[in-house]
Amino acid sequence: METTTLLYSIIDRIGKQKIRSELTSDIESSRHYIEMIMDNCEKHIEATDEDALGSLCEGLLHFMLTVCSLPSNRKVEINNTVLDIVIPNLHTLKTFPNKSIVIYSEKRPTI
């Protein structure tokens, strides 16, 4: 199963609205949900599959940002480089780079 599909199937099983509601009232509950989601996903991903684990973490971060009403863009390209996550969005990065956060992980070559 594709990592993103797995992630969102587990989130759907827990309940997006339930997660959103609890995070809105208590941001500290995010730790509980992150651990719960990661534990459920890791059962289906091999521990040695770094790409799948990285994709899982990236997708979960994007989901948590969205649930907390923090805008972000995932997998955006700028100057032939694909950025994993841009907060708040690509437009802000281009016009006000000092008001943006960029998360980028370079793929390491396999030896």
N, C-alpha and C. Protein backbone atom coordinates (compact mmCIF):
# COMPACT_ATOMS: atom_id res chain seq x y z
N MET A 1 0.85 -1.18 0.00
CA MET A 1 0.00 0.00 0.00
C MET A 1 0.90 1.24 0.00
N GLU A 2 0.55 2.20 -0.80
CA GLU A 2 1.31 3.45 -0.87
C GLU A 2 1.27 4.13 0.50
N THR A 3 2.38 4.77 0.85
CA THR A 3 2.51 5.38 2.17
C THR A 3 1.43 6.41 2.46
N THR A 4 1.14 7.29 1.50
CA THR A 4 0.13 8.32 1.71
C THR A 4 -1.25 7.69 1.91
N THR A 5 -1.56 6.67 1.14
CA THR A 5 -2.83 5.97 1.27
C THR A 5 -2.93 5.32 2.64
N LEU A 6 -1.85 4.68 3.07
CA LEU A 6 -1.81 4.06 4.39
C LEU A 6 -2.03 5.11 5.49
N LEU A 7 -1.29 6.21 5.40
CA LEU A 7 -1.40 7.27 6.39
C LEU A 7 -2.84 7.77 6.52
N TYR A 8 -3.45 8.11 5.40
CA TYR A 8 -4.80 8.67 5.46
C TYR A 8 -5.87 7.64 5.80
N SER A 9 -5.61 6.37 5.53
CA SER A 9 -6.58 5.35 5.96
C SER A 9 -6.55 5.22 7.48
N ILE A 10 -5.40 5.33 8.08
CA ILE A 10 -5.30 5.27 9.54
C ILE A 10 -5.89 6.53 10.17
N ILE A 11 -5.61 7.69 9.57
CA ILE A 11 -6.20 8.94 10.05
C ILE A 11 -7.73 8.87 9.97
N ASP A 12 -8.25 8.34 8.86
CA ASP A 12 -9.70 8.21 8.70
C ASP A 12 -10.28 7.25 9.74
N ARG A 13 -9.55 6.19 10.06
CA ARG A 13 -10.01 5.22 11.05
C ARG A 13 -10.12 5.88 12.44
N ILE A 14 -9.14 6.72 12.78
CA ILE A 14 -9.18 7.44 14.06
C ILE A 14 -10.25 8.52 14.01
N GLY A 15 -10.34 9.21 12.88
CA GLY A 15 -11.32 10.26 12.69
C GLY A 15 -10.67 11.63 12.60
N LYS A 16 -10.70 12.20 11.39
CA LYS A 16 -10.10 13.52 11.18
C LYS A 16 -10.71 14.57 12.10
N GLN A 17 -12.04 14.54 12.20
CA GLN A 17 -12.72 15.54 13.02
C GLN A 17 -12.37 15.39 14.50
N LYS A 18 -12.23 14.15 14.94
CA LYS A 18 -11.86 13.89 16.33
C LYS A 18 -10.47 14.47 16.61
N ILE A 19 -9.53 14.21 15.71
CA ILE A 19 -8.17 14.72 15.86
C ILE A 19 -8.20 16.25 15.86
N ARG A 20 -8.88 16.82 14.88
CA ARG A 20 -8.97 18.29 14.76
C ARG A 20 -9.56 18.90 16.03
N SER A 21 -10.65 18.32 16.51
CA SER A 21 -11.32 18.83 17.70
C SER A 21 -10.41 18.79 18.93
N GLU A 22 -9.74 17.68 19.12
CA GLU A 22 -8.87 17.56 20.30
C GLU A 22 -7.64 18.47 20.20
N LEU A 23 -7.08 18.60 19.00
CA LEU A 23 -5.92 19.49 18.85
C LEU A 23 -6.30 20.95 19.03
N THR A 24 -7.50 21.30 18.62
CA THR A 24 -7.98 22.67 18.78
C THR A 24 -8.09 23.03 20.25
N SER A 25 -8.56 22.09 21.06
CA SER A 25 -8.74 22.37 22.49
C SER A 25 -7.48 22.11 23.31
N ASP A 26 -6.58 21.23 22.80
CA ASP A 26 -5.37 20.89 23.55
C ASP A 26 -4.27 20.46 22.58
N ILE A 27 -3.40 21.40 22.22
CA ILE A 27 -2.34 21.11 21.25
C ILE A 27 -1.39 20.02 21.74
N GLU A 28 -1.28 19.86 23.04
CA GLU A 28 -0.41 18.81 23.60
C GLU A 28 -0.88 17.41 23.20
N SER A 29 -2.15 17.26 22.85
CA SER A 29 -2.65 15.95 22.43
C SER A 29 -2.06 15.53 21.08
N SER A 30 -1.40 16.46 20.40
CA SER A 30 -0.78 16.11 19.12
C SER A 30 0.24 14.99 19.29
N ARG A 31 0.98 15.01 20.40
CA ARG A 31 1.98 13.96 20.66
C ARG A 31 1.30 12.58 20.67
N HIS A 32 0.18 12.49 21.36
CA HIS A 32 -0.56 11.23 21.44
C HIS A 32 -0.97 10.75 20.04
N TYR A 33 -1.52 11.65 19.23
CA TYR A 33 -1.98 11.26 17.90
C TYR A 33 -0.82 10.93 16.97
N ILE A 34 0.26 11.69 17.06
CA ILE A 34 1.43 11.38 16.22
C ILE A 34 1.96 9.99 16.54
N GLU A 35 2.09 9.69 17.83
CA GLU A 35 2.58 8.36 18.23
C GLU A 35 1.62 7.26 17.78
N MET A 36 0.32 7.48 17.95
CA MET A 36 -0.67 6.50 17.55
C MET A 36 -0.63 6.24 16.04
N ILE A 37 -0.58 7.30 15.27
CA ILE A 37 -0.56 7.17 13.80
C ILE A 37 0.73 6.51 13.34
N MET A 38 1.86 6.95 13.89
CA MET A 38 3.15 6.36 13.50
C MET A 38 3.20 4.87 13.86
N ASP A 39 2.76 4.51 15.05
CA ASP A 39 2.76 3.10 15.46
C ASP A 39 1.94 2.25 14.50
N ASN A 40 0.76 2.74 14.13
CA ASN A 40 -0.09 1.99 13.21
C ASN A 40 0.50 1.89 11.82
N CYS A 41 1.13 2.96 11.36
CA CYS A 41 1.73 2.95 10.02
C CYS A 41 2.97 2.07 9.96
N GLU A 42 3.80 2.15 11.00
CA GLU A 42 5.06 1.41 11.00
C GLU A 42 4.85 -0.10 10.96
N LYS A 43 3.69 -0.57 11.38
CA LYS A 43 3.38 -2.00 11.31
C LYS A 43 3.34 -2.48 9.86
N HIS A 44 3.11 -1.55 8.93
CA HIS A 44 2.93 -1.90 7.52
C HIS A 44 4.12 -1.48 6.65
N ILE A 45 5.14 -0.89 7.27
CA ILE A 45 6.30 -0.41 6.52
C ILE A 45 7.55 -1.07 7.09
N GLU A 46 8.41 -1.52 6.23
CA GLU A 46 9.66 -2.11 6.69
C GLU A 46 10.55 -1.04 7.30
N ALA A 47 11.16 -1.35 8.42
CA ALA A 47 12.01 -0.38 9.13
C ALA A 47 13.18 0.09 8.28
N THR A 48 13.58 -0.68 7.30
CA THR A 48 14.71 -0.32 6.46
C THR A 48 14.30 0.54 5.26
N ASP A 49 13.02 0.73 5.06
CA ASP A 49 12.53 1.51 3.91
C ASP A 49 12.52 3.00 4.27
N GLU A 50 13.69 3.63 4.15
CA GLU A 50 13.84 5.03 4.54
C GLU A 50 12.96 5.96 3.72
N ASP A 51 12.78 5.68 2.44
CA ASP A 51 11.92 6.52 1.60
C ASP A 51 10.49 6.50 2.10
N ALA A 52 9.98 5.31 2.43
CA ALA A 52 8.60 5.20 2.91
C ALA A 52 8.45 5.89 4.26
N LEU A 53 9.41 5.71 5.15
CA LEU A 53 9.34 6.35 6.47
C LEU A 53 9.42 7.87 6.33
N GLY A 54 10.30 8.34 5.44
CA GLY A 54 10.40 9.79 5.21
C GLY A 54 9.12 10.35 4.64
N SER A 55 8.53 9.65 3.70
CA SER A 55 7.27 10.08 3.10
C SER A 55 6.15 10.09 4.14
N LEU A 56 6.15 9.09 5.00
CA LEU A 56 5.17 9.01 6.07
C LEU A 56 5.29 10.21 7.01
N CYS A 57 6.51 10.52 7.44
CA CYS A 57 6.73 11.65 8.35
C CYS A 57 6.34 12.97 7.70
N GLU A 58 6.68 13.12 6.44
CA GLU A 58 6.35 14.34 5.70
C GLU A 58 4.83 14.50 5.58
N GLY A 59 4.15 13.43 5.23
CA GLY A 59 2.69 13.46 5.10
C GLY A 59 2.01 13.75 6.43
N LEU A 60 2.54 13.15 7.50
CA LEU A 60 1.96 13.38 8.82
C LEU A 60 2.17 14.82 9.27
N LEU A 61 3.35 15.37 9.00
CA LEU A 61 3.60 16.78 9.32
C LEU A 61 2.62 17.69 8.58
N HIS A 62 2.44 17.44 7.30
CA HIS A 62 1.52 18.25 6.50
C HIS A 62 0.09 18.15 7.06
N PHE A 63 -0.32 16.94 7.41
CA PHE A 63 -1.66 16.75 7.99
C PHE A 63 -1.79 17.53 9.29
N MET A 64 -0.81 17.42 10.18
CA MET A 64 -0.87 18.11 11.47
C MET A 64 -0.90 19.63 11.29
N LEU A 65 -0.11 20.13 10.36
CA LEU A 65 -0.14 21.57 10.08
C LEU A 65 -1.53 22.00 9.61
N THR A 66 -2.12 21.20 8.74
CA THR A 66 -3.45 21.51 8.21
C THR A 66 -4.50 21.47 9.32
N VAL A 67 -4.44 20.44 10.15
CA VAL A 67 -5.39 20.31 11.26
C VAL A 67 -5.27 21.51 12.21
N CYS A 68 -4.06 22.00 12.39
CA CYS A 68 -3.84 23.15 13.29
C CYS A 68 -4.08 24.48 12.57
N SER A 69 -4.61 24.41 11.37
CA SER A 69 -4.92 25.60 10.56
C SER A 69 -3.69 26.42 10.20
N LEU A 70 -2.56 25.74 10.04
CA LEU A 70 -1.35 26.39 9.56
C LEU A 70 -1.19 26.03 8.10
N PRO A 71 -1.29 26.99 7.21
CA PRO A 71 -1.21 26.67 5.78
C PRO A 71 0.17 26.15 5.41
N SER A 72 0.19 25.22 4.48
CA SER A 72 1.45 24.68 3.97
C SER A 72 1.19 24.05 2.60
N ASN A 73 2.25 23.99 1.81
CA ASN A 73 2.21 23.30 0.53
C ASN A 73 3.20 22.15 0.59
N ARG A 74 2.82 21.03 0.00
CA ARG A 74 3.66 19.85 0.00
C ARG A 74 4.11 19.56 -1.43
N LYS A 75 5.36 19.17 -1.56
CA LYS A 75 5.93 18.78 -2.86
C LYS A 75 5.77 19.88 -3.90
N VAL A 76 6.39 21.02 -3.65
CA VAL A 76 6.35 22.11 -4.62
C VAL A 76 7.73 22.25 -5.26
N GLU A 77 7.73 22.66 -6.51
CA GLU A 77 8.98 22.78 -7.24
C GLU A 77 9.33 24.24 -7.45
N ILE A 78 10.60 24.56 -7.18
CA ILE A 78 11.12 25.89 -7.41
C ILE A 78 12.56 25.73 -7.90
N ASN A 79 12.86 26.36 -9.01
CA ASN A 79 14.21 26.27 -9.61
C ASN A 79 14.67 24.83 -9.78
N ASN A 80 13.80 23.98 -10.30
CA ASN A 80 14.09 22.57 -10.57
C ASN A 80 14.41 21.76 -9.32
N THR A 81 14.00 22.25 -8.16
CA THR A 81 14.18 21.53 -6.91
C THR A 81 12.81 21.31 -6.29
N VAL A 82 12.53 20.07 -5.92
CA VAL A 82 11.26 19.77 -5.27
C VAL A 82 11.44 19.91 -3.77
N LEU A 83 10.70 20.85 -3.18
CA LEU A 83 10.73 21.09 -1.75
C LEU A 83 9.67 20.22 -1.09
N ASP A 84 10.01 19.62 0.03
CA ASP A 84 9.07 18.71 0.69
C ASP A 84 7.87 19.45 1.25
N ILE A 85 8.13 20.50 2.03
CA ILE A 85 7.04 21.29 2.61
C ILE A 85 7.46 22.76 2.64
N VAL A 86 6.53 23.64 2.26
CA VAL A 86 6.74 25.08 2.35
C VAL A 86 5.63 25.64 3.22
N ILE A 87 6.03 26.41 4.22
CA ILE A 87 5.07 27.02 5.14
C ILE A 87 5.23 28.53 5.02
N PRO A 88 4.24 29.31 4.73
CA PRO A 88 2.85 28.95 4.53
C PRO A 88 2.55 28.48 3.11
N ASN A 89 3.24 29.03 2.07
CA ASN A 89 2.96 28.59 0.71
C ASN A 89 4.07 29.08 -0.23
N LEU A 90 4.01 28.62 -1.47
CA LEU A 90 5.03 28.96 -2.46
C LEU A 90 5.02 30.44 -2.80
N HIS A 91 3.84 31.03 -2.88
CA HIS A 91 3.74 32.47 -3.19
C HIS A 91 4.48 33.30 -2.14
N THR A 92 4.27 33.00 -0.88
CA THR A 92 4.95 33.74 0.19
C THR A 92 6.45 33.52 0.12
N LEU A 93 6.85 32.29 -0.18
CA LEU A 93 8.29 32.00 -0.30
C LEU A 93 8.92 32.86 -1.39
N LYS A 94 8.23 33.01 -2.51
CA LYS A 94 8.78 33.79 -3.62
C LYS A 94 8.77 35.29 -3.34
N THR A 95 7.74 35.78 -2.66
CA THR A 95 7.63 37.23 -2.46
C THR A 95 8.23 37.70 -1.13
N PHE A 96 8.13 36.89 -0.10
CA PHE A 96 8.67 37.23 1.23
C PHE A 96 9.41 36.03 1.80
N PRO A 97 10.55 35.67 1.25
CA PRO A 97 11.23 34.45 1.69
C PRO A 97 11.58 34.46 3.19
N ASN A 98 11.76 35.65 3.75
CA ASN A 98 12.09 35.72 5.18
C ASN A 98 10.88 35.39 6.06
N LYS A 99 9.70 35.24 5.47
CA LYS A 99 8.50 34.89 6.22
C LYS A 99 8.05 33.47 5.91
N SER A 100 8.97 32.65 5.44
CA SER A 100 8.65 31.28 5.04
C SER A 100 9.57 30.28 5.74
N ILE A 101 9.06 29.07 5.86
CA ILE A 101 9.86 27.95 6.34
C ILE A 101 9.86 26.91 5.23
N VAL A 102 11.04 26.37 4.94
CA VAL A 102 11.17 25.35 3.90
C VAL A 102 11.75 24.09 4.53
N ILE A 103 11.12 22.97 4.23
CA ILE A 103 11.64 21.67 4.66
C ILE A 103 11.99 20.91 3.39
N TYR A 104 13.26 20.55 3.33
CA TYR A 104 13.77 19.87 2.14
C TYR A 104 14.74 18.80 2.60
N SER A 105 14.57 17.59 2.12
CA SER A 105 15.53 16.54 2.43
C SER A 105 16.08 15.99 1.13
N GLU A 106 17.36 16.10 1.01
CA GLU A 106 18.04 15.63 -0.19
C GLU A 106 18.14 14.12 -0.15
N LYS A 107 17.84 13.51 -1.26
CA LYS A 107 17.96 12.05 -1.36
C LYS A 107 19.44 11.68 -1.36
N ARG A 108 19.78 10.73 -0.52
CA ARG A 108 21.15 10.25 -0.49
C ARG A 108 21.30 9.12 -1.50
N PRO A 109 22.39 9.11 -2.23
CA PRO A 109 22.59 8.02 -3.20
C PRO A 109 22.79 6.70 -2.49
N THR A 110 22.23 5.65 -3.06
CA THR A 110 22.40 4.32 -2.52
C THR A 110 23.73 3.75 -2.96
N ILE A 111 24.47 3.23 -2.02
CA ILE A 111 25.81 2.67 -2.34
C ILE A 111 25.72 1.19 -2.47
